[in-house]
Amino acid sequence: AAKQAGVWCRQCLFIDDLEENLKAAAAVGMKTHLFKDAPTLR
């Protein structure tokens, strides 16, 4: 996904509602946000 976006993983913010996916994203260097609701995301 980072490659297709033309950026390094460390330049990405990955947003997901599952901790397992956030851990995997962080393992490749992505910043993460655990999605709970739109106001918290904003």
Full PDB file with SEQRES, HELIX, SHEET, SSBOND, CRYST1, ORIGX, SCALE, CONECT and MASTER records, all heavy atoms in Angstrom:
SEQRES   1 A   42  ALA ALA LYS GLN ALA GLY VAL TRP CYS ARG GLN CYS LEU          
SEQRES   2 A   42  PHE ILE ASP ASP LEU GLU GLU ASN LEU LYS ALA ALA ALA          
SEQRES   3 A   42  ALA VAL GLY MET LYS THR HIS LEU PHE LYS ASP ALA PRO          
SEQRES   4 A   42  THR LEU ARG                                                  
HELIX    1 AA1 ALA A    2  ALA A    5  1                                   4    
HELIX    2 AA2 CYS A    9  GLN A   11  5                                   3    
HELIX    3 AA3 GLU A   19  ALA A   27  1                                   9    
HELIX    4 AA4 ALA A   38  LEU A   41  1                                   4    
SHEET    1 AA1 2 LEU A  13  ASP A  16  0                                        
SHEET    2 AA1 2 LYS A  31  LEU A  34  1                                        
CRYST1    1.000    1.000    1.000  90.00  90.00  90.00 P 1           1          
ORIGX1      1.000000  0.000000  0.000000        0.00000                         
ORIGX2      0.000000  1.000000  0.000000        0.00000                         
ORIGX3      0.000000  0.000000  1.000000        0.00000                         
SCALE1      1.000000  0.000000  0.000000        0.00000                         
SCALE2      0.000000  1.000000  0.000000        0.00000                         
SCALE3      0.000000  0.000000  1.000000        0.00000                         
ATOM      1  N   ALA A   1       0.836  -1.209   0.000  1.00  0.00           N  
ATOM      2  CA  ALA A   1       0.000   0.000   0.000  1.00  0.00           C  
ATOM      3  C   ALA A   1       0.867   1.253   0.000  1.00  0.00           C  
ATOM      4  O   ALA A   1       0.603   2.200  -0.759  1.00  0.00           O  
ATOM      5  CB  ALA A   1      -0.935  -0.005   1.207  1.00  0.00           C  
ATOM      6  N   ALA A   2       1.895   1.276   0.823  1.00  0.00           N  
ATOM      7  CA  ALA A   2       2.797   2.429   0.858  1.00  0.00           C  
ATOM      8  C   ALA A   2       3.501   2.600  -0.492  1.00  0.00           C  
ATOM      9  O   ALA A   2       3.601   3.711  -1.021  1.00  0.00           O  
ATOM     10  CB  ALA A   2       3.823   2.275   1.978  1.00  0.00           C  
ATOM     11  N   LYS A   3       3.949   1.492  -1.053  1.00  0.00           N  
ATOM     12  CA  LYS A   3       4.625   1.544  -2.358  1.00  0.00           C  
ATOM     13  C   LYS A   3       3.688   2.102  -3.423  1.00  0.00           C  
ATOM     14  O   LYS A   3       4.074   2.953  -4.226  1.00  0.00           O  
ATOM     15  CB  LYS A   3       5.128   0.151  -2.749  1.00  0.00           C  
ATOM     16  CG  LYS A   3       5.886   0.129  -4.052  1.00  0.00           C  
ATOM     17  CD  LYS A   3       6.415  -1.264  -4.355  1.00  0.00           C  
ATOM     18  CE  LYS A   3       7.162  -1.261  -5.663  1.00  0.00           C  
ATOM     19  NZ  LYS A   3       7.680  -2.589  -6.000  1.00  0.00           N  
ATOM     20  N   GLN A   4       2.433   1.615  -3.441  1.00  0.00           N  
ATOM     21  CA  GLN A   4       1.479   2.118  -4.433  1.00  0.00           C  
ATOM     22  C   GLN A   4       1.146   3.590  -4.210  1.00  0.00           C  
ATOM     23  O   GLN A   4       0.828   4.304  -5.162  1.00  0.00           O  
ATOM     24  CB  GLN A   4       0.200   1.271  -4.421  1.00  0.00           C  
ATOM     25  CG  GLN A   4       0.395  -0.091  -5.044  1.00  0.00           C  
ATOM     26  CD  GLN A   4      -0.890  -0.865  -5.193  1.00  0.00           C  
ATOM     27  OE1 GLN A   4      -1.985  -0.326  -5.118  1.00  0.00           O  
ATOM     28  NE2 GLN A   4      -0.774  -2.168  -5.429  1.00  0.00           N  
ATOM     29  N   ALA A   5       1.245   4.042  -2.966  1.00  0.00           N  
ATOM     30  CA  ALA A   5       1.015   5.460  -2.670  1.00  0.00           C  
ATOM     31  C   ALA A   5       2.235   6.304  -3.014  1.00  0.00           C  
ATOM     32  O   ALA A   5       2.157   7.533  -3.054  1.00  0.00           O  
ATOM     33  CB  ALA A   5       0.657   5.639  -1.193  1.00  0.00           C  
ATOM     34  N   GLY A   6       3.360   5.634  -3.251  1.00  0.00           N  
ATOM     35  CA  GLY A   6       4.587   6.355  -3.603  1.00  0.00           C  
ATOM     36  C   GLY A   6       5.260   7.003  -2.406  1.00  0.00           C  
ATOM     37  O   GLY A   6       5.929   8.027  -2.542  1.00  0.00           O  
ATOM     38  N   VAL A   7       5.076   6.389  -1.225  1.00  0.00           N  
ATOM     39  CA  VAL A   7       5.673   6.931  -0.003  1.00  0.00           C  
ATOM     40  C   VAL A   7       6.313   5.811   0.808  1.00  0.00           C  
ATOM     41  O   VAL A   7       6.082   4.629   0.554  1.00  0.00           O  
ATOM     42  CB  VAL A   7       4.617   7.665   0.868  1.00  0.00           C  
ATOM     43  CG1 VAL A   7       4.039   8.861   0.126  1.00  0.00           C  
ATOM     44  CG2 VAL A   7       3.504   6.716   1.299  1.00  0.00           C  
ATOM     45  N   TRP A   8       7.111   6.212   1.789  1.00  0.00           N  
ATOM     46  CA  TRP A   8       7.690   5.252   2.724  1.00  0.00           C  
ATOM     47  C   TRP A   8       6.629   4.916   3.771  1.00  0.00           C  
ATOM     48  O   TRP A   8       5.772   5.736   4.079  1.00  0.00           O  
ATOM     49  CB  TRP A   8       8.920   5.846   3.429  1.00  0.00           C  
ATOM     50  CG  TRP A   8      10.030   6.194   2.496  1.00  0.00           C  
ATOM     51  CD1 TRP A   8      10.345   7.435   2.034  1.00  0.00           C  
ATOM     52  CD2 TRP A   8      10.967   5.294   1.920  1.00  0.00           C  
ATOM     53  NE1 TRP A   8      11.418   7.366   1.199  1.00  0.00           N  
ATOM     54  CE2 TRP A   8      11.831   6.060   1.107  1.00  0.00           C  
ATOM     55  CE3 TRP A   8      11.175   3.913   2.002  1.00  0.00           C  
ATOM     56  CZ2 TRP A   8      12.866   5.497   0.388  1.00  0.00           C  
ATOM     57  CZ3 TRP A   8      12.218   3.362   1.286  1.00  0.00           C  
ATOM     58  CH2 TRP A   8      13.045   4.139   0.495  1.00  0.00           C  
ATOM     59  N   CYS A   9       6.714   3.737   4.343  1.00  0.00           N  
ATOM     60  CA  CYS A   9       5.769   3.344   5.394  1.00  0.00           C  
ATOM     61  C   CYS A   9       5.767   4.364   6.527  1.00  0.00           C  
ATOM     62  O   CYS A   9       4.711   4.693   7.067  1.00  0.00           O  
ATOM     63  CB  CYS A   9       6.108   1.955   5.935  1.00  0.00           C  
ATOM     64  SG  CYS A   9       5.704   0.600   4.803  1.00  0.00           S  
ATOM     65  N   ARG A  10       6.922   4.890   6.888  1.00  0.00           N  
ATOM     66  CA  ARG A  10       6.998   5.840   8.006  1.00  0.00           C  
ATOM     67  C   ARG A  10       6.280   7.153   7.710  1.00  0.00           C  
ATOM     68  O   ARG A  10       6.033   7.949   8.606  1.00  0.00           O  
ATOM     69  CB  ARG A  10       8.449   6.077   8.404  1.00  0.00           C  
ATOM     70  CG  ARG A  10       9.268   6.807   7.364  1.00  0.00           C  
ATOM     71  CD  ARG A  10      10.707   7.042   7.860  1.00  0.00           C  
ATOM     72  NE  ARG A  10      11.477   7.727   6.862  1.00  0.00           N  
ATOM     73  CZ  ARG A  10      12.208   7.160   5.923  1.00  0.00           C  
ATOM     74  NH1 ARG A  10      12.264   5.838   5.862  1.00  0.00           N  
ATOM     75  NH2 ARG A  10      12.879   7.875   5.054  1.00  0.00           N  
ATOM     76  N   GLN A  11       5.909   7.385   6.456  1.00  0.00           N  
ATOM     77  CA  GLN A  11       5.170   8.586   6.080  1.00  0.00           C  
ATOM     78  C   GLN A  11       3.657   8.374   6.139  1.00  0.00           C  
ATOM     79  O   GLN A  11       2.902   9.310   5.898  1.00  0.00           O  
ATOM     80  CB  GLN A  11       5.566   9.018   4.670  1.00  0.00           C  
ATOM     81  CG  GLN A  11       7.016   9.448   4.543  1.00  0.00           C  
ATOM     82  CD  GLN A  11       7.383   9.714   3.096  1.00  0.00           C  
ATOM     83  OE1 GLN A  11       7.550   8.780   2.307  1.00  0.00           O  
ATOM     84  NE2 GLN A  11       7.477  10.983   2.751  1.00  0.00           N  
ATOM     85  N   CYS A  12       3.229   7.163   6.466  1.00  0.00           N  
ATOM     86  CA  CYS A  12       1.807   6.815   6.433  1.00  0.00           C  
ATOM     87  C   CYS A  12       1.177   6.860   7.822  1.00  0.00           C  
ATOM     88  O   CYS A  12       1.803   6.504   8.811  1.00  0.00           O  
ATOM     89  CB  CYS A  12       1.622   5.393   5.892  1.00  0.00           C  
ATOM     90  SG  CYS A  12       2.161   5.166   4.196  1.00  0.00           S  
ATOM     91  N   LEU A  13      -0.072   7.270   7.836  1.00  0.00           N  
ATOM     92  CA  LEU A  13      -0.926   7.115   9.012  1.00  0.00           C  
ATOM     93  C   LEU A  13      -1.967   6.078   8.633  1.00  0.00           C  
ATOM     94  O   LEU A  13      -2.745   6.286   7.700  1.00  0.00           O  
ATOM     95  CB  LEU A  13      -1.603   8.435   9.390  1.00  0.00           C  
ATOM     96  CG  LEU A  13      -2.677   8.331  10.480  1.00  0.00           C  
ATOM     97  CD1 LEU A  13      -2.069   7.837  11.798  1.00  0.00           C  
ATOM     98  CD2 LEU A  13      -3.385   9.667  10.659  1.00  0.00           C  
ATOM     99  N   PHE A  14      -1.973   4.971   9.350  1.00  0.00           N  
ATOM    100  CA  PHE A  14      -2.912   3.891   9.086  1.00  0.00           C  
ATOM    101  C   PHE A  14      -4.015   3.941  10.133  1.00  0.00           C  
ATOM    102  O   PHE A  14      -3.751   3.935  11.337  1.00  0.00           O  
ATOM    103  CB  PHE A  14      -2.201   2.528   9.109  1.00  0.00           C  
ATOM    104  CG  PHE A  14      -3.124   1.378   8.910  1.00  0.00           C  
ATOM    105  CD1 PHE A  14      -3.696   1.130   7.677  1.00  0.00           C  
ATOM    106  CD2 PHE A  14      -3.448   0.538   9.963  1.00  0.00           C  
ATOM    107  CE1 PHE A  14      -4.574   0.067   7.486  1.00  0.00           C  
ATOM    108  CE2 PHE A  14      -4.315  -0.529   9.792  1.00  0.00           C  
ATOM    109  CZ  PHE A  14      -4.880  -0.759   8.548  1.00  0.00           C  
ATOM    110  N   ILE A  15      -5.257   3.977   9.689  1.00  0.00           N  
ATOM    111  CA  ILE A  15      -6.426   4.063  10.564  1.00  0.00           C  
ATOM    112  C   ILE A  15      -7.219   2.770  10.423  1.00  0.00           C  
ATOM    113  O   ILE A  15      -7.554   2.363   9.307  1.00  0.00           O  
ATOM    114  CB  ILE A  15      -7.296   5.278  10.170  1.00  0.00           C  
ATOM    115  CG1 ILE A  15      -6.470   6.552  10.267  1.00  0.00           C  
ATOM    116  CG2 ILE A  15      -8.546   5.342  11.036  1.00  0.00           C  
ATOM    117  CD1 ILE A  15      -7.070   7.737   9.523  1.00  0.00           C  
ATOM    118  N   ASP A  16      -7.510   2.139  11.557  1.00  0.00           N  
ATOM    119  CA  ASP A  16      -8.233   0.871  11.529  1.00  0.00           C  
ATOM    120  C   ASP A  16      -8.933   0.684  12.868  1.00  0.00           C  
ATOM    121  O   ASP A  16      -8.551   1.303  13.866  1.00  0.00           O  
ATOM    122  CB  ASP A  16      -7.259  -0.289  11.279  1.00  0.00           C  
ATOM    123  CG  ASP A  16      -7.939  -1.523  10.710  1.00  0.00           C  
ATOM    124  OD1 ASP A  16      -8.580  -2.262  11.477  1.00  0.00           O  
ATOM    125  OD2 ASP A  16      -7.813  -1.748   9.496  1.00  0.00           O  
ATOM    126  N   ASP A  17      -9.920  -0.178  12.886  1.00  0.00           N  
ATOM    127  CA  ASP A  17     -10.643  -0.434  14.129  1.00  0.00           C  
ATOM    128  C   ASP A  17     -10.199  -1.725  14.821  1.00  0.00           C  
ATOM    129  O   ASP A  17     -10.775  -2.108  15.833  1.00  0.00           O  
ATOM    130  CB  ASP A  17     -12.155  -0.461  13.885  1.00  0.00           C  
ATOM    131  CG  ASP A  17     -12.583  -1.537  12.901  1.00  0.00           C  
ATOM    132  OD1 ASP A  17     -11.721  -2.134  12.223  1.00  0.00           O  
ATOM    133  OD2 ASP A  17     -13.800  -1.784  12.806  1.00  0.00           O  
ATOM    134  N   LEU A  18      -9.163  -2.373  14.299  1.00  0.00           N  
ATOM    135  CA  LEU A  18      -8.668  -3.614  14.897  1.00  0.00           C  
ATOM    136  C   LEU A  18      -7.215  -3.458  15.333  1.00  0.00           C  
ATOM    137  O   LEU A  18      -6.344  -3.112  14.525  1.00  0.00           O  
ATOM    138  CB  LEU A  18      -8.775  -4.778  13.907  1.00  0.00           C  
ATOM    139  CG  LEU A  18     -10.185  -5.176  13.460  1.00  0.00           C  
ATOM    140  CD1 LEU A  18     -10.118  -6.289  12.437  1.00  0.00           C  
ATOM    141  CD2 LEU A  18     -11.023  -5.597  14.657  1.00  0.00           C  
ATOM    142  N   GLU A  19      -6.970  -3.722  16.611  1.00  0.00           N  
ATOM    143  CA  GLU A  19      -5.617  -3.620  17.172  1.00  0.00           C  
ATOM    144  C   GLU A  19      -4.613  -4.478  16.409  1.00  0.00           C  
ATOM    145  O   GLU A  19      -3.484  -4.068  16.186  1.00  0.00           O  
ATOM    146  CB  GLU A  19      -5.622  -4.036  18.649  1.00  0.00           C  
ATOM    147  CG  GLU A  19      -6.191  -3.013  19.577  1.00  0.00           C  
ATOM    148  CD  GLU A  19      -5.234  -1.864  19.876  1.00  0.00           C  
ATOM    149  OE1 GLU A  19      -4.038  -1.942  19.527  1.00  0.00           O  
ATOM    150  OE2 GLU A  19      -5.714  -0.878  20.450  1.00  0.00           O  
ATOM    151  N   GLU A  20      -5.036  -5.679  16.018  1.00  0.00           N  
ATOM    152  CA  GLU A  20      -4.147  -6.595  15.302  1.00  0.00           C  
ATOM    153  C   GLU A  20      -3.594  -5.950  14.033  1.00  0.00           C  
ATOM    154  O   GLU A  20      -2.407  -6.063  13.718  1.00  0.00           O  
ATOM    155  CB  GLU A  20      -4.923  -7.874  14.967  1.00  0.00           C  
ATOM    156  CG  GLU A  20      -4.149  -8.886  14.154  1.00  0.00           C  
ATOM    157  CD  GLU A  20      -4.992 -10.097  13.776  1.00  0.00           C  
ATOM    158  OE1 GLU A  20      -6.228  -9.976  13.646  1.00  0.00           O  
ATOM    159  OE2 GLU A  20      -4.385 -11.156  13.592  1.00  0.00           O  
ATOM    160  N   ASN A  21      -4.450  -5.231  13.318  1.00  0.00           N  
ATOM    161  CA  ASN A  21      -4.012  -4.569  12.094  1.00  0.00           C  
ATOM    162  C   ASN A  21      -3.105  -3.380  12.402  1.00  0.00           C  
ATOM    163  O   ASN A  21      -2.154  -3.105  11.665  1.00  0.00           O  
ATOM    164  CB  ASN A  21      -5.218  -4.132  11.275  1.00  0.00           C  
ATOM    165  CG  ASN A  21      -6.014  -5.315  10.767  1.00  0.00           C  
ATOM    166  OD1 ASN A  21      -5.492  -6.416  10.609  1.00  0.00           O  
ATOM    167  ND2 ASN A  21      -7.294  -5.104  10.521  1.00  0.00           N  
ATOM    168  N   LEU A  22      -3.397  -2.670  13.477  1.00  0.00           N  
ATOM    169  CA  LEU A  22      -2.559  -1.532  13.865  1.00  0.00           C  
ATOM    170  C   LEU A  22      -1.159  -1.996  14.256  1.00  0.00           C  
ATOM    171  O   LEU A  22      -0.168  -1.349  13.905  1.00  0.00           O  
ATOM    172  CB  LEU A  22      -3.204  -0.760  15.018  1.00  0.00           C  
ATOM    173  CG  LEU A  22      -4.544  -0.113  14.700  1.00  0.00           C  
ATOM    174  CD1 LEU A  22      -5.130   0.536  15.939  1.00  0.00           C  
ATOM    175  CD2 LEU A  22      -4.421   0.899  13.573  1.00  0.00           C  
ATOM    176  N   LYS A  23      -1.071  -3.106  14.956  1.00  0.00           N  
ATOM    177  CA  LYS A  23       0.238  -3.649  15.350  1.00  0.00           C  
ATOM    178  C   LYS A  23       1.060  -4.007  14.113  1.00  0.00           C  
ATOM    179  O   LYS A  23       2.263  -3.746  14.051  1.00  0.00           O  
ATOM    180  CB  LYS A  23       0.069  -4.866  16.247  1.00  0.00           C  
ATOM    181  CG  LYS A  23      -0.399  -4.518  17.642  1.00  0.00           C  
ATOM    182  CD  LYS A  23      -0.603  -5.762  18.480  1.00  0.00           C  
ATOM    183  CE  LYS A  23      -1.168  -5.392  19.837  1.00  0.00           C  
ATOM    184  NZ  LYS A  23      -1.509  -6.565  20.640  1.00  0.00           N  
ATOM    185  N   ALA A  24       0.418  -4.601  13.129  1.00  0.00           N  
ATOM    186  CA  ALA A  24       1.124  -4.973  11.903  1.00  0.00           C  
ATOM    187  C   ALA A  24       1.585  -3.732  11.147  1.00  0.00           C  
ATOM    188  O   ALA A  24       2.697  -3.689  10.630  1.00  0.00           O  
ATOM    189  CB  ALA A  24       0.226  -5.828  11.017  1.00  0.00           C  
ATOM    190  N   ALA A  25       0.733  -2.703  11.096  1.00  0.00           N  
ATOM    191  CA  ALA A  25       1.105  -1.455  10.425  1.00  0.00           C  
ATOM    192  C   ALA A  25       2.275  -0.795  11.147  1.00  0.00           C  
ATOM    193  O   ALA A  25       3.232  -0.317  10.515  1.00  0.00           O  
ATOM    194  CB  ALA A  25      -0.092  -0.509  10.360  1.00  0.00           C  
ATOM    195  N   ALA A  26       2.226  -0.767  12.472  1.00  0.00           N  
ATOM    196  CA  ALA A  26       3.311  -0.171  13.257  1.00  0.00           C  
ATOM    197  C   ALA A  26       4.615  -0.947  13.063  1.00  0.00           C  
ATOM    198  O   ALA A  26       5.696  -0.352  13.036  1.00  0.00           O  
ATOM    199  CB  ALA A  26       2.924  -0.119  14.730  1.00  0.00           C  
ATOM    200  N   ALA A  27       4.510  -2.255  12.894  1.00  0.00           N  
ATOM    201  CA  ALA A  27       5.699  -3.096  12.710  1.00  0.00           C  
ATOM    202  C   ALA A  27       6.460  -2.752  11.428  1.00  0.00           C  
ATOM    203  O   ALA A  27       7.664  -2.979  11.345  1.00  0.00           O  
ATOM    204  CB  ALA A  27       5.314  -4.572  12.718  1.00  0.00           C  
ATOM    205  N   VAL A  28       5.757  -2.199  10.428  1.00  0.00           N  
ATOM    206  CA  VAL A  28       6.452  -1.783   9.196  1.00  0.00           C  
ATOM    207  C   VAL A  28       6.780  -0.292   9.218  1.00  0.00           C  
ATOM    208  O   VAL A  28       7.267   0.250   8.236  1.00  0.00           O  
ATOM    209  CB  VAL A  28       5.657  -2.151   7.913  1.00  0.00           C  
ATOM    210  CG1 VAL A  28       5.486  -3.662   7.802  1.00  0.00           C  
ATOM    211  CG2 VAL A  28       4.335  -1.424   7.830  1.00  0.00           C  
ATOM    212  N   GLY A  29       6.489   0.379  10.336  1.00  0.00           N  
ATOM    213  CA  GLY A  29       6.873   1.774  10.503  1.00  0.00           C  
ATOM    214  C   GLY A  29       5.767   2.796  10.351  1.00  0.00           C  
ATOM    215  O   GLY A  29       6.017   4.000  10.430  1.00  0.00           O  
ATOM    216  N   MET A  30       4.550   2.346  10.110  1.00  0.00           N  
ATOM    217  CA  MET A  30       3.448   3.300   9.947  1.00  0.00           C  
ATOM    218  C   MET A  30       3.002   3.847  11.299  1.00  0.00           C  
ATOM    219  O   MET A  30       3.032   3.154  12.307  1.00  0.00           O  
ATOM    220  CB  MET A  30       2.252   2.629   9.260  1.00  0.00           C  
ATOM    221  CG  MET A  30       2.495   2.257   7.835  1.00  0.00           C  
ATOM    222  SD  MET A  30       1.005   1.512   7.109  1.00  0.00           S  
ATOM    223  CE  MET A  30       1.536   1.312   5.417  1.00  0.00           C  
ATOM    224  N   LYS A  31       2.572   5.093  11.295  1.00  0.00           N  
ATOM    225  CA  LYS A  31       1.882   5.654  12.449  1.00  0.00           C  
ATOM    226  C   LYS A  31       0.467   5.086  12.402  1.00  0.00           C  
ATOM    227  O   LYS A  31      -0.021   4.743  11.333  1.00  0.00           O  
ATOM    228  CB  LYS A  31       1.863   7.183  12.364  1.00  0.00           C  
ATOM    229  CG  LYS A  31       3.240   7.816  12.417  1.00  0.00           C  
ATOM    230  CD  LYS A  31       3.129   9.300  12.072  1.00  0.00           C  
ATOM    231  CE  LYS A  31       4.282   9.819  11.295  1.00  0.00           C  
ATOM    232  NZ  LYS A  31       4.554   9.258  10.014  1.00  0.00           N  
ATOM    233  N   THR A  32      -0.190   5.010  13.554  1.00  0.00           N  
ATOM    234  CA  THR A  32      -1.505   4.378  13.578  1.00  0.00           C  
ATOM    235  C   THR A  32      -2.502   5.182  14.406  1.00  0.00           C  
ATOM    236  O   THR A  32      -2.126   5.979  15.268  1.00  0.00           O  
ATOM    237  CB  THR A  32      -1.428   2.951  14.160  1.00  0.00           C  
ATOM    238  OG1 THR A  32      -0.990   3.005  15.509  1.00  0.00           O  
ATOM    239  CG2 THR A  32      -0.503   2.067  13.337  1.00  0.00           C  
ATOM    240  N   HIS A  33      -3.764   4.940  14.108  1.00  0.00           N  
ATOM    241  CA  HIS A  33      -4.879   5.493  14.877  1.00  0.00           C  
ATOM    242  C   HIS A  33      -5.932   4.404  15.013  1.00  0.00           C  
ATOM    243  O   HIS A  33      -6.370   3.846  14.006  1.00  0.00           O  
ATOM    244  CB  HIS A  33      -5.484   6.713  14.171  1.00  0.00           C  
ATOM    245  CG  HIS A  33      -6.753   7.193  14.811  1.00  0.00           C  
ATOM    246  ND1 HIS A  33      -6.755   8.110  15.833  1.00  0.00           N  
ATOM    247  CD2 HIS A  33      -8.049   6.854  14.597  1.00  0.00           C  
ATOM    248  CE1 HIS A  33      -8.017   8.328  16.214  1.00  0.00           C  
ATOM    249  NE2 HIS A  33      -8.814   7.577  15.477  1.00  0.00           N  
ATOM    250  N   LEU A  34      -6.329   4.125  16.264  1.00  0.00           N  
ATOM    251  CA  LEU A  34      -7.396   3.166  16.505  1.00  0.00           C  
ATOM    252  C   LEU A  34      -8.721   3.885  16.311  1.00  0.00           C  
ATOM    253  O   LEU A  34      -9.070   4.785  17.077  1.00  0.00           O  
ATOM    254  CB  LEU A  34      -7.320   2.587  17.922  1.00  0.00           C  
ATOM    255  CG  LEU A  34      -8.447   1.634  18.317  1.00  0.00           C  
ATOM    256  CD1 LEU A  34      -8.460   0.391  17.416  1.00  0.00           C  
ATOM    257  CD2 LEU A  34      -8.308   1.225  19.779  1.00  0.00           C  
ATOM    258  N   PHE A  35      -9.460   3.504  15.266  1.00  0.00           N  
ATOM    259  CA  PHE A  35     -10.732   4.167  14.976  1.00  0.00           C  
ATOM    260  C   PHE A  35     -11.802   3.708  15.953  1.00  0.00           C  
ATOM    261  O   PHE A  35     -12.052   2.519  16.107  1.00  0.00           O  
ATOM    262  CB  PHE A  35     -11.193   3.876  13.543  1.00  0.00           C  
ATOM    263  CG  PHE A  35     -12.488   4.560  13.230  1.00  0.00           C  
ATOM    264  CD1 PHE A  35     -12.493   5.899  12.873  1.00  0.00           C  
ATOM    265  CD2 PHE A  35     -13.694   3.887  13.330  1.00  0.00           C  
ATOM    266  CE1 PHE A  35     -13.696   6.553  12.616  1.00  0.00           C  
ATOM    267  CE2 PHE A  35     -14.896   4.535  13.072  1.00  0.00           C  
ATOM    268  CZ  PHE A  35     -14.895   5.871  12.713  1.00  0.00           C  
ATOM    269  N   LYS A  36     -12.419   4.709  16.605  1.00  0.00           N  
ATOM    270  CA  LYS A  36     -13.558   4.454  17.486  1.00  0.00           C  
ATOM    271  C   LYS A  36     -14.780   5.197  16.981  1.00  0.00           C  
ATOM    272  O   LYS A  36     -15.864   4.658  16.961  1.00  0.00           O  
ATOM    273  CB  LYS A  36     -13.228   4.866  18.910  1.00  0.00           C  
ATOM    274  CG  LYS A  36     -12.144   4.013  19.532  1.00  0.00           C  
ATOM    275  CD  LYS A  36     -11.854   4.398  20.949  1.00  0.00           C  
ATOM    276  CE  LYS A  36     -10.723   3.508  21.470  1.00  0.00           C  
ATOM    277  NZ  LYS A  36     -10.283   3.864  22.777  1.00  0.00           N  
ATOM    278  N   ASP A  37     -14.560   6.447  16.581  1.00  0.00           N  
ATOM    279  CA  ASP A  37     -15.655   7.255  16.057  1.00  0.00           C  
ATOM    280  C   ASP A  37     -15.064   8.459  15.315  1.00  0.00           C  
ATOM    281  O   ASP A  37     -13.882   8.767  15.440  1.00  0.00           O  
ATOM    282  CB  ASP A  37     -16.605   7.711  17.167  1.00  0.00           C  
ATOM    283  CG  ASP A  37     -15.908   8.476  18.281  1.00  0.00           C  
ATOM    284  OD1 ASP A  37     -15.119   9.397  17.984  1.00  0.00           O  
ATOM    285  OD2 ASP A  37     -16.152   8.158  19.457  1.00  0.00           O  
ATOM    286  N   ALA A  38     -15.902   9.108  14.538  1.00  0.00           N  
ATOM    287  CA  ALA A  38     -15.444  10.226  13.703  1.00  0.00           C  
ATOM    288  C   ALA A  38     -14.933  11.413  14.519  1.00  0.00           C  
ATOM    289  O   ALA A  38     -13.898  11.987  14.156  1.00  0.00           O  
ATOM    290  CB  ALA A  38     -16.554  10.652  12.750  1.00  0.00           C  
ATOM    291  N   PRO A  39     -15.598  11.828  15.605  1.00  0.00           N  
ATOM    292  CA  PRO A  39     -15.071  12.972  16.367  1.00  0.00           C  
ATOM    293  C   PRO A  39     -13.659  12.726  16.920  1.00  0.00           C  
ATOM    294  O   PRO A  39     -12.810  13.614  16.892  1.00  0.00           O  
ATOM    295  CB  PRO A  39     -16.092  13.151  17.498  1.00  0.00           C  
ATOM    296  CG  PRO A  39     -17.362  12.594  16.955  1.00  0.00           C  
ATOM    297  CD  PRO A  39     -16.936  11.433  16.102  1.00  0.00           C  
ATOM    298  N   THR A  40     -13.415  11.501  17.400  1.00  0.00           N  
ATOM    299  CA  THR A  40     -12.086  11.171  17.917  1.00  0.00           C  
ATOM    300  C   THR A  40     -11.057  11.177  16.790  1.00  0.00           C  
ATOM    301  O   THR A  40      -9.942  11.672  16.956  1.00  0.00           O  
ATOM    302  CB  THR A  40     -12.116   9.796  18.622  1.00  0.00           C  
ATOM    303  OG1 THR A  40     -13.124   9.810  19.620  1.00  0.00           O  
ATOM    304  CG2 THR A  40     -10.779   9.467  19.253  1.00  0.00           C  
ATOM    305  N   LEU A  41     -11.428  10.661  15.634  1.00  0.00           N  
ATOM    306  CA  LEU A  41     -10.538  10.677  14.476  1.00  0.00           C  
ATOM    307  C   LEU A  41     -10.234  12.113  14.067  1.00  0.00           C  
ATOM    308  O   LEU A  41      -9.075  12.474  13.848  1.00  0.00           O  
ATOM    309  CB  LEU A  41     -11.153   9.914  13.302  1.00  0.00           C  
ATOM    310  CG  LEU A  41     -10.382   9.968  11.984  1.00  0.00           C  
ATOM    311  CD1 LEU A  41      -8.971   9.422  12.140  1.00  0.00           C  
ATOM    312  CD2 LEU A  41     -11.151   9.227  10.894  1.00  0.00           C  
ATOM    313  N   ARG A  42     -11.251  12.944  13.962  1.00  0.00           N  
ATOM    314  CA  ARG A  42     -11.051  14.343  13.574  1.00  0.00           C  
ATOM    315  C   ARG A  42     -10.097  15.041  14.551  1.00  0.00           C  
ATOM    316  O   ARG A  42      -9.184  15.756  14.151  1.00  0.00           O  
ATOM    317  CB  ARG A  42     -12.384  15.078  13.493  1.00  0.00           C  
ATOM    318  CG  ARG A  42     -12.250  16.506  12.967  1.00  0.00           C  
ATOM    319  CD  ARG A  42     -13.602  17.166  12.771  1.00  0.00           C  
ATOM    320  NE  ARG A  42     -14.331  16.674  11.626  1.00  0.00           N  
ATOM    321  CZ  ARG A  42     -14.094  17.025  10.365  1.00  0.00           C  
ATOM    322  NH1 ARG A  42     -13.139  17.885  10.071  1.00  0.00           N  
ATOM    323  NH2 ARG A  42     -14.827  16.535   9.382  1.00  0.00           N  
TER     324      ARG A  42                                                      
MASTER        0    0    0    4    2    0    0    6  323    1    0    4          
END                                                                             
